[in-house]
Amino acid sequence: MIYSLALLIGYFLGSINFAVLVAKSKGIDLFSLGSGNPGATNVKRTMGAFWGNTVFLLDFFKGYLAVFLAQYFLGMDGLNVDLIGIFGLLGGILGHSFSVFLRFRGGKGVATTMGGLLALMPWVLAIGLIVWVIVFFMTRVVALGSIVFAISLPISFYFLHDLSDVRWILCLVLAILIVVRHASNIQRLLSGNEHHFSKK
């Protein structure tokens, strides 16, 4: 029951889509512009860096908050606090990707994942962010950076933590989720049609 509540807390928090809210405040239908994806990257592509970065930070904080609130309100003696946080984060990612307020549509969940990882395993996140930055600045492709970031999570966890730790399973699940959510991006990458951000 406790873990189900953590999942629900994360889900409803994650379902708040800041990309759509910001776009609507400017009279923009995000689903009909750019990639059509209601996430920070599409906001940056269609509305500029300021709004894109703002949405990224809000989604990042949403992921952190999903873990923090689940652990704060539901953590108690005899329960695995990390596992409660994991369910909170998974709920947040599912809410962001399949929002109940958007007819179960949503973004890719990378920023929300990063925020949750800050609360659960900051060193794994730090390595993932370094990898993301390197890949992005080499290729200027956000999706490729996100995919390599995802793949780095279980690898870095393997070297930093004990594999008996339940967070190891989370890293594997997150890697699969993020890669699967980027399936269309992978197809465009293979065909050479994926969007590149300018170096300017």
C-alpha atoms as a PDB file:
ATOM      1  CA  MET A   1       0.000   0.000   0.000  1.00  0.00           C
ATOM      2  CA  ILE A   2       2.786   2.448   0.920  1.00  0.00           C
ATOM      3  CA  TYR A   3       4.638   1.832  -2.337  1.00  0.00           C
ATOM      4  CA  SER A   4       1.408   2.245  -4.307  1.00  0.00           C
ATOM      5  CA  LEU A   5       0.834   5.592  -2.606  1.00  0.00           C
ATOM      6  CA  ALA A   6       4.378   6.648  -3.505  1.00  0.00           C
ATOM      7  CA  LEU A   7       3.661   5.731  -7.119  1.00  0.00           C
ATOM      8  CA  LEU A   8       0.443   7.774  -7.073  1.00  0.00           C
ATOM      9  CA  ILE A   9       2.102  10.805  -5.495  1.00  0.00           C
ATOM     10  CA  GLY A  10       4.771  10.713  -8.177  1.00  0.00           C
ATOM     11  CA  TYR A  11       2.262  10.115 -10.962  1.00  0.00           C
ATOM     12  CA  PHE A  12      -0.005  13.059 -10.227  1.00  0.00           C
ATOM     13  CA  LEU A  13       2.964  15.352  -9.665  1.00  0.00           C
ATOM     14  CA  GLY A  14       4.566  14.128 -12.883  1.00  0.00           C
ATOM     15  CA  SER A  15       1.326  14.641 -14.798  1.00  0.00           C
ATOM     16  CA  ILE A  16       1.716  18.416 -14.431  1.00  0.00           C
ATOM     17  CA  ASN A  17       3.229  19.229 -17.820  1.00  0.00           C
ATOM     18  CA  PHE A  18       5.115  22.512 -17.596  1.00  0.00           C
ATOM     19  CA  ALA A  19       5.949  22.531 -21.301  1.00  0.00           C
ATOM     20  CA  VAL A  20       2.268  22.637 -22.224  1.00  0.00           C
ATOM     21  CA  LEU A  21       1.466  25.161 -19.484  1.00  0.00           C
ATOM     22  CA  VAL A  22       4.236  27.522 -20.589  1.00  0.00           C
ATOM     23  CA  ALA A  23       3.290  27.167 -24.259  1.00  0.00           C
ATOM     24  CA  LYS A  24      -0.399  27.799 -23.538  1.00  0.00           C
ATOM     25  CA  SER A  25       0.484  30.928 -21.564  1.00  0.00           C
ATOM     26  CA  LYS A  26       2.011  32.221 -24.813  1.00  0.00           C
ATOM     27  CA  GLY A  27      -0.913  31.080 -26.948  1.00  0.00           C
ATOM     28  CA  ILE A  28       1.051  28.218 -28.498  1.00  0.00           C
ATOM     29  CA  ASP A  29      -0.161  24.673 -29.161  1.00  0.00           C
ATOM     30  CA  LEU A  30       3.020  22.663 -28.556  1.00  0.00           C
ATOM     31  CA  PHE A  31       1.532  19.506 -30.062  1.00  0.00           C
ATOM     32  CA  SER A  32       1.308  21.157 -33.492  1.00  0.00           C
ATOM     33  CA  LEU A  33       4.801  22.684 -33.592  1.00  0.00           C
ATOM     34  CA  GLY A  34       8.327  21.325 -33.922  1.00  0.00           C
ATOM     35  CA  SER A  35       8.459  17.651 -33.025  1.00  0.00           C
ATOM     36  CA  GLY A  36       5.012  17.847 -31.433  1.00  0.00           C
ATOM     37  CA  ASN A  37       6.501  16.520 -28.200  1.00  0.00           C
ATOM     38  CA  PRO A  38       5.391  18.324 -25.008  1.00  0.00           C
ATOM     39  CA  GLY A  39       8.833  18.559 -23.470  1.00  0.00           C
ATOM     40  CA  ALA A  40      11.641  21.013 -22.761  1.00  0.00           C
ATOM     41  CA  THR A  41      13.523  20.322 -26.002  1.00  0.00           C
ATOM     42  CA  ASN A  42      10.527  21.152 -28.174  1.00  0.00           C
ATOM     43  CA  VAL A  43       9.856  24.272 -26.104  1.00  0.00           C
ATOM     44  CA  LYS A  44      13.453  25.369 -26.701  1.00  0.00           C
ATOM     45  CA  ARG A  45      13.121  24.594 -30.396  1.00  0.00           C
ATOM     46  CA  THR A  46       9.872  26.523 -30.830  1.00  0.00           C
ATOM     47  CA  MET A  47       9.986  29.208 -28.132  1.00  0.00           C
ATOM     48  CA  GLY A  48      13.684  29.809 -27.510  1.00  0.00           C
ATOM     49  CA  ALA A  49      16.381  28.887 -25.009  1.00  0.00           C
ATOM     50  CA  PHE A  50      14.975  30.820 -22.053  1.00  0.00           C
ATOM     51  CA  TRP A  51      11.632  29.032 -22.013  1.00  0.00           C
ATOM     52  CA  GLY A  52      13.172  25.697 -22.930  1.00  0.00           C
ATOM     53  CA  ASN A  53      15.642  25.894 -20.058  1.00  0.00           C
ATOM     54  CA  THR A  54      12.904  27.073 -17.697  1.00  0.00           C
ATOM     55  CA  VAL A  55      10.774  24.035 -18.532  1.00  0.00           C
ATOM     56  CA  PHE A  56      13.794  21.751 -18.129  1.00  0.00           C
ATOM     57  CA  LEU A  57      14.458  23.102 -14.630  1.00  0.00           C
ATOM     58  CA  LEU A  58      10.793  22.772 -13.651  1.00  0.00           C
ATOM     59  CA  ASP A  59      10.684  19.175 -14.914  1.00  0.00           C
ATOM     60  CA  PHE A  60      13.972  18.454 -13.128  1.00  0.00           C
ATOM     61  CA  PHE A  61      12.577  19.822  -9.859  1.00  0.00           C
ATOM     62  CA  LYS A  62       9.397  17.803 -10.404  1.00  0.00           C
ATOM     63  CA  GLY A  63      11.441  14.593 -10.487  1.00  0.00           C
ATOM     64  CA  TYR A  64      13.327  15.554  -7.338  1.00  0.00           C
ATOM     65  CA  LEU A  65      10.090  16.480  -5.588  1.00  0.00           C
ATOM     66  CA  ALA A  66       8.440  13.167  -6.549  1.00  0.00           C
ATOM     67  CA  VAL A  67      11.170  11.327  -4.626  1.00  0.00           C
ATOM     68  CA  PHE A  68      11.378  13.789  -1.744  1.00  0.00           C
ATOM     69  CA  LEU A  69       7.633  13.937  -1.040  1.00  0.00           C
ATOM     70  CA  ALA A  70       7.200  10.165  -1.248  1.00  0.00           C
ATOM     71  CA  GLN A  71      10.060   9.592   1.197  1.00  0.00           C
ATOM     72  CA  TYR A  72       9.055  12.463   3.483  1.00  0.00           C
ATOM     73  CA  PHE A  73       5.406  11.513   3.883  1.00  0.00           C
ATOM     74  CA  LEU A  74       5.613   7.732   3.536  1.00  0.00           C
ATOM     75  CA  GLY A  75       9.024   6.840   4.941  1.00  0.00           C
ATOM     76  CA  MET A  76       8.737   4.958   8.216  1.00  0.00           C
ATOM     77  CA  ASP A  77      10.601   2.401  10.279  1.00  0.00           C
ATOM     78  CA  GLY A  78      10.781  -1.023   8.682  1.00  0.00           C
ATOM     79  CA  LEU A  79      10.389   0.205   5.121  1.00  0.00           C
ATOM     80  CA  ASN A  80      13.045   0.625   2.467  1.00  0.00           C
ATOM     81  CA  VAL A  81      13.247   4.406   2.015  1.00  0.00           C
ATOM     82  CA  ASP A  82      15.164   4.048  -1.252  1.00  0.00           C
ATOM     83  CA  LEU A  83      12.414   1.808  -2.614  1.00  0.00           C
ATOM     84  CA  ILE A  84       9.763   4.360  -1.634  1.00  0.00           C
ATOM     85  CA  GLY A  85      11.745   7.008  -3.490  1.00  0.00           C
ATOM     86  CA  ILE A  86      12.104   4.719  -6.499  1.00  0.00           C
ATOM     87  CA  PHE A  87       8.350   4.256  -6.716  1.00  0.00           C
ATOM     88  CA  GLY A  88       7.895   8.005  -6.350  1.00  0.00           C
ATOM     89  CA  LEU A  89      10.288   8.637  -9.242  1.00  0.00           C
ATOM     90  CA  LEU A  90       8.780   5.937 -11.458  1.00  0.00           C
ATOM     91  CA  GLY A  91       5.372   7.475 -10.824  1.00  0.00           C
ATOM     92  CA  GLY A  92       6.740  10.904 -11.731  1.00  0.00           C
ATOM     93  CA  ILE A  93       8.221   9.637 -14.989  1.00  0.00           C
ATOM     94  CA  LEU A  94       5.044   7.770 -15.923  1.00  0.00           C
ATOM     95  CA  GLY A  95       2.977  10.852 -15.110  1.00  0.00           C
ATOM     96  CA  HIS A  96       5.217  13.046 -17.216  1.00  0.00           C
ATOM     97  CA  SER A  97       5.188  10.602 -20.141  1.00  0.00           C
ATOM     98  CA  PHE A  98       1.492   9.615 -19.909  1.00  0.00           C
ATOM     99  CA  SER A  99      -0.215  12.548 -18.217  1.00  0.00           C
ATOM    100  CA  VAL A 100      -3.784  12.064 -17.074  1.00  0.00           C
ATOM    101  CA  PHE A 101      -4.325  15.760 -17.869  1.00  0.00           C
ATOM    102  CA  LEU A 102      -3.179  15.337 -21.498  1.00  0.00           C
ATOM    103  CA  ARG A 103      -5.127  12.218 -22.428  1.00  0.00           C
ATOM    104  CA  PHE A 104      -2.109  10.099 -21.474  1.00  0.00           C
ATOM    105  CA  ARG A 105       0.321  11.924 -23.728  1.00  0.00           C
ATOM    106  CA  GLY A 106       3.532  13.511 -22.522  1.00  0.00           C
ATOM    107  CA  GLY A 107       7.250  14.116 -22.827  1.00  0.00           C
ATOM    108  CA  LYS A 108      10.212  11.756 -22.813  1.00  0.00           C
ATOM    109  CA  GLY A 109      10.882  12.139 -19.072  1.00  0.00           C
ATOM    110  CA  VAL A 110      14.639  12.753 -19.190  1.00  0.00           C
ATOM    111  CA  ALA A 111      14.660  15.940 -17.085  1.00  0.00           C
ATOM    112  CA  THR A 112      12.274  14.368 -14.577  1.00  0.00           C
ATOM    113  CA  THR A 113      14.544  11.312 -14.396  1.00  0.00           C
ATOM    114  CA  MET A 114      17.555  13.532 -13.744  1.00  0.00           C
ATOM    115  CA  GLY A 115      15.795  15.323 -10.893  1.00  0.00           C
ATOM    116  CA  GLY A 116      14.850  12.059  -9.236  1.00  0.00           C
ATOM    117  CA  LEU A 117      18.380  10.728  -9.596  1.00  0.00           C
ATOM    118  CA  LEU A 118      19.702  13.779  -7.768  1.00  0.00           C
ATOM    119  CA  ALA A 119      17.724  12.619  -4.752  1.00  0.00           C
ATOM    120  CA  LEU A 120      18.475   8.906  -5.112  1.00  0.00           C
ATOM    121  CA  MET A 121      22.013   8.586  -6.501  1.00  0.00           C
ATOM    122  CA  PRO A 122      23.717  11.914  -7.215  1.00  0.00           C
ATOM    123  CA  TRP A 123      27.058  10.444  -8.362  1.00  0.00           C
ATOM    124  CA  VAL A 124      25.374   8.307 -10.989  1.00  0.00           C
ATOM    125  CA  LEU A 125      23.548  11.429 -12.140  1.00  0.00           C
ATOM    126  CA  ALA A 126      26.783  13.452 -12.198  1.00  0.00           C
ATOM    127  CA  ILE A 127      28.471  10.949 -14.506  1.00  0.00           C
ATOM    128  CA  GLY A 128      25.367  10.799 -16.688  1.00  0.00           C
ATOM    129  CA  LEU A 129      25.271  14.589 -16.987  1.00  0.00           C
ATOM    130  CA  ILE A 130      28.937  14.719 -17.987  1.00  0.00           C
ATOM    131  CA  VAL A 131      28.244  12.089 -20.648  1.00  0.00           C
ATOM    132  CA  TRP A 132      25.180  14.019 -21.860  1.00  0.00           C
ATOM    133  CA  VAL A 133      27.102  17.288 -22.130  1.00  0.00           C
ATOM    134  CA  ILE A 134      29.981  15.668 -24.045  1.00  0.00           C
ATOM    135  CA  VAL A 135      27.680  13.902 -26.512  1.00  0.00           C
ATOM    136  CA  PHE A 136      25.487  16.959 -27.028  1.00  0.00           C
ATOM    137  CA  PHE A 137      28.338  19.367 -27.680  1.00  0.00           C
ATOM    138  CA  MET A 138      29.968  16.889 -30.045  1.00  0.00           C
ATOM    139  CA  THR A 139      26.794  16.215 -32.031  1.00  0.00           C
ATOM    140  CA  ARG A 140      24.349  19.029 -31.124  1.00  0.00           C
ATOM    141  CA  VAL A 141      21.631  16.353 -30.912  1.00  0.00           C
ATOM    142  CA  VAL A 142      19.654  16.347 -27.653  1.00  0.00           C
ATOM    143  CA  ALA A 143      18.093  12.943 -28.287  1.00  0.00           C
ATOM    144  CA  LEU A 144      21.466  11.264 -28.780  1.00  0.00           C
ATOM    145  CA  GLY A 145      22.760  12.826 -25.575  1.00  0.00           C
ATOM    146  CA  SER A 146      19.692  11.563 -23.724  1.00  0.00           C
ATOM    147  CA  ILE A 147      20.037   8.037 -25.101  1.00  0.00           C
ATOM    148  CA  VAL A 148      23.721   7.794 -24.157  1.00  0.00           C
ATOM    149  CA  PHE A 149      22.885   9.329 -20.763  1.00  0.00           C
ATOM    150  CA  ALA A 150      20.355   6.551 -20.196  1.00  0.00           C
ATOM    151  CA  ILE A 151      22.790   3.821 -21.186  1.00  0.00           C
ATOM    152  CA  SER A 152      25.411   5.281 -18.825  1.00  0.00           C
ATOM    153  CA  LEU A 153      23.196   4.882 -15.748  1.00  0.00           C
ATOM    154  CA  PRO A 154      23.523   1.111 -15.141  1.00  0.00           C
ATOM    155  CA  ILE A 155      27.166   1.206 -16.235  1.00  0.00           C
ATOM    156  CA  SER A 156      28.174   3.904 -13.755  1.00  0.00           C
ATOM    157  CA  PHE A 157      26.072   2.306 -11.021  1.00  0.00           C
ATOM    158  CA  TYR A 158      27.932  -0.976 -11.597  1.00  0.00           C
ATOM    159  CA  PHE A 159      31.239   0.705 -10.746  1.00  0.00           C
ATOM    160  CA  LEU A 160      29.960   2.905  -7.914  1.00  0.00           C
ATOM    161  CA  HIS A 161      27.559   0.714  -5.930  1.00  0.00           C
ATOM    162  CA  ASP A 162      26.777  -2.833  -4.849  1.00  0.00           C
ATOM    163  CA  LEU A 163      24.568  -4.659  -7.351  1.00  0.00           C
ATOM    164  CA  SER A 164      22.472  -6.025  -4.486  1.00  0.00           C
ATOM    165  CA  ASP A 165      21.211  -2.448  -4.062  1.00  0.00           C
ATOM    166  CA  VAL A 166      17.645  -2.106  -5.365  1.00  0.00           C
ATOM    167  CA  ARG A 167      18.666   1.089  -7.169  1.00  0.00           C
ATOM    168  CA  TRP A 168      20.564  -1.100  -9.657  1.00  0.00           C
ATOM    169  CA  ILE A 169      17.223  -2.364 -10.973  1.00  0.00           C
ATOM    170  CA  LEU A 170      16.018   1.233 -11.234  1.00  0.00           C
ATOM    171  CA  CYS A 171      18.998   2.143 -13.421  1.00  0.00           C
ATOM    172  CA  LEU A 172      18.243  -0.738 -15.775  1.00  0.00           C
ATOM    173  CA  VAL A 173      14.551   0.184 -15.948  1.00  0.00           C
ATOM    174  CA  LEU A 174      15.339   3.856 -16.577  1.00  0.00           C
ATOM    175  CA  ALA A 175      17.784   3.000 -19.338  1.00  0.00           C
ATOM    176  CA  ILE A 176      15.175   0.865 -21.097  1.00  0.00           C
ATOM    177  CA  LEU A 177      12.374   3.415 -20.612  1.00  0.00           C
ATOM    178  CA  ILE A 178      14.369   6.330 -21.976  1.00  0.00           C
ATOM    179  CA  VAL A 179      15.684   4.411 -24.983  1.00  0.00           C
ATOM    180  CA  VAL A 180      12.195   3.088 -25.822  1.00  0.00           C
ATOM    181  CA  ARG A 181      10.701   6.580 -25.473  1.00  0.00           C
ATOM    182  CA  HIS A 182      13.281   7.780 -28.008  1.00  0.00           C
ATOM    183  CA  ALA A 183      12.436   5.105 -30.592  1.00  0.00           C
ATOM    184  CA  SER A 184      11.249   7.687 -33.143  1.00  0.00           C
ATOM    185  CA  ASN A 185      14.396   9.745 -32.548  1.00  0.00           C
ATOM    186  CA  ILE A 186      16.540   6.664 -33.151  1.00  0.00           C
ATOM    187  CA  GLN A 187      14.770   6.093 -36.470  1.00  0.00           C
ATOM    188  CA  ARG A 188      15.435   9.706 -37.480  1.00  0.00           C
ATOM    189  CA  LEU A 189      19.069   9.417 -36.364  1.00  0.00           C
ATOM    190  CA  LEU A 190      19.552   6.342 -38.514  1.00  0.00           C
ATOM    191  CA  SER A 191      17.992   8.098 -41.498  1.00  0.00           C
ATOM    192  CA  GLY A 192      19.955  11.306 -40.868  1.00  0.00           C
ATOM    193  CA  ASN A 193      16.844  13.406 -40.244  1.00  0.00           C
ATOM    194  CA  GLU A 194      17.133  14.103 -36.515  1.00  0.00           C
ATOM    195  CA  HIS A 195      17.080  17.778 -35.489  1.00  0.00           C
ATOM    196  CA  HIS A 196      20.426  19.421 -34.666  1.00  0.00           C
ATOM    197  CA  PHE A 197      20.735  22.559 -32.561  1.00  0.00           C
ATOM    198  CA  SER A 198      22.870  25.315 -33.994  1.00  0.00           C
ATOM    199  CA  LYS A 199      26.270  25.990 -32.433  1.00  0.00           C
ATOM    200  CA  LYS A 200      25.402  29.688 -32.230  1.00  0.00           C
END
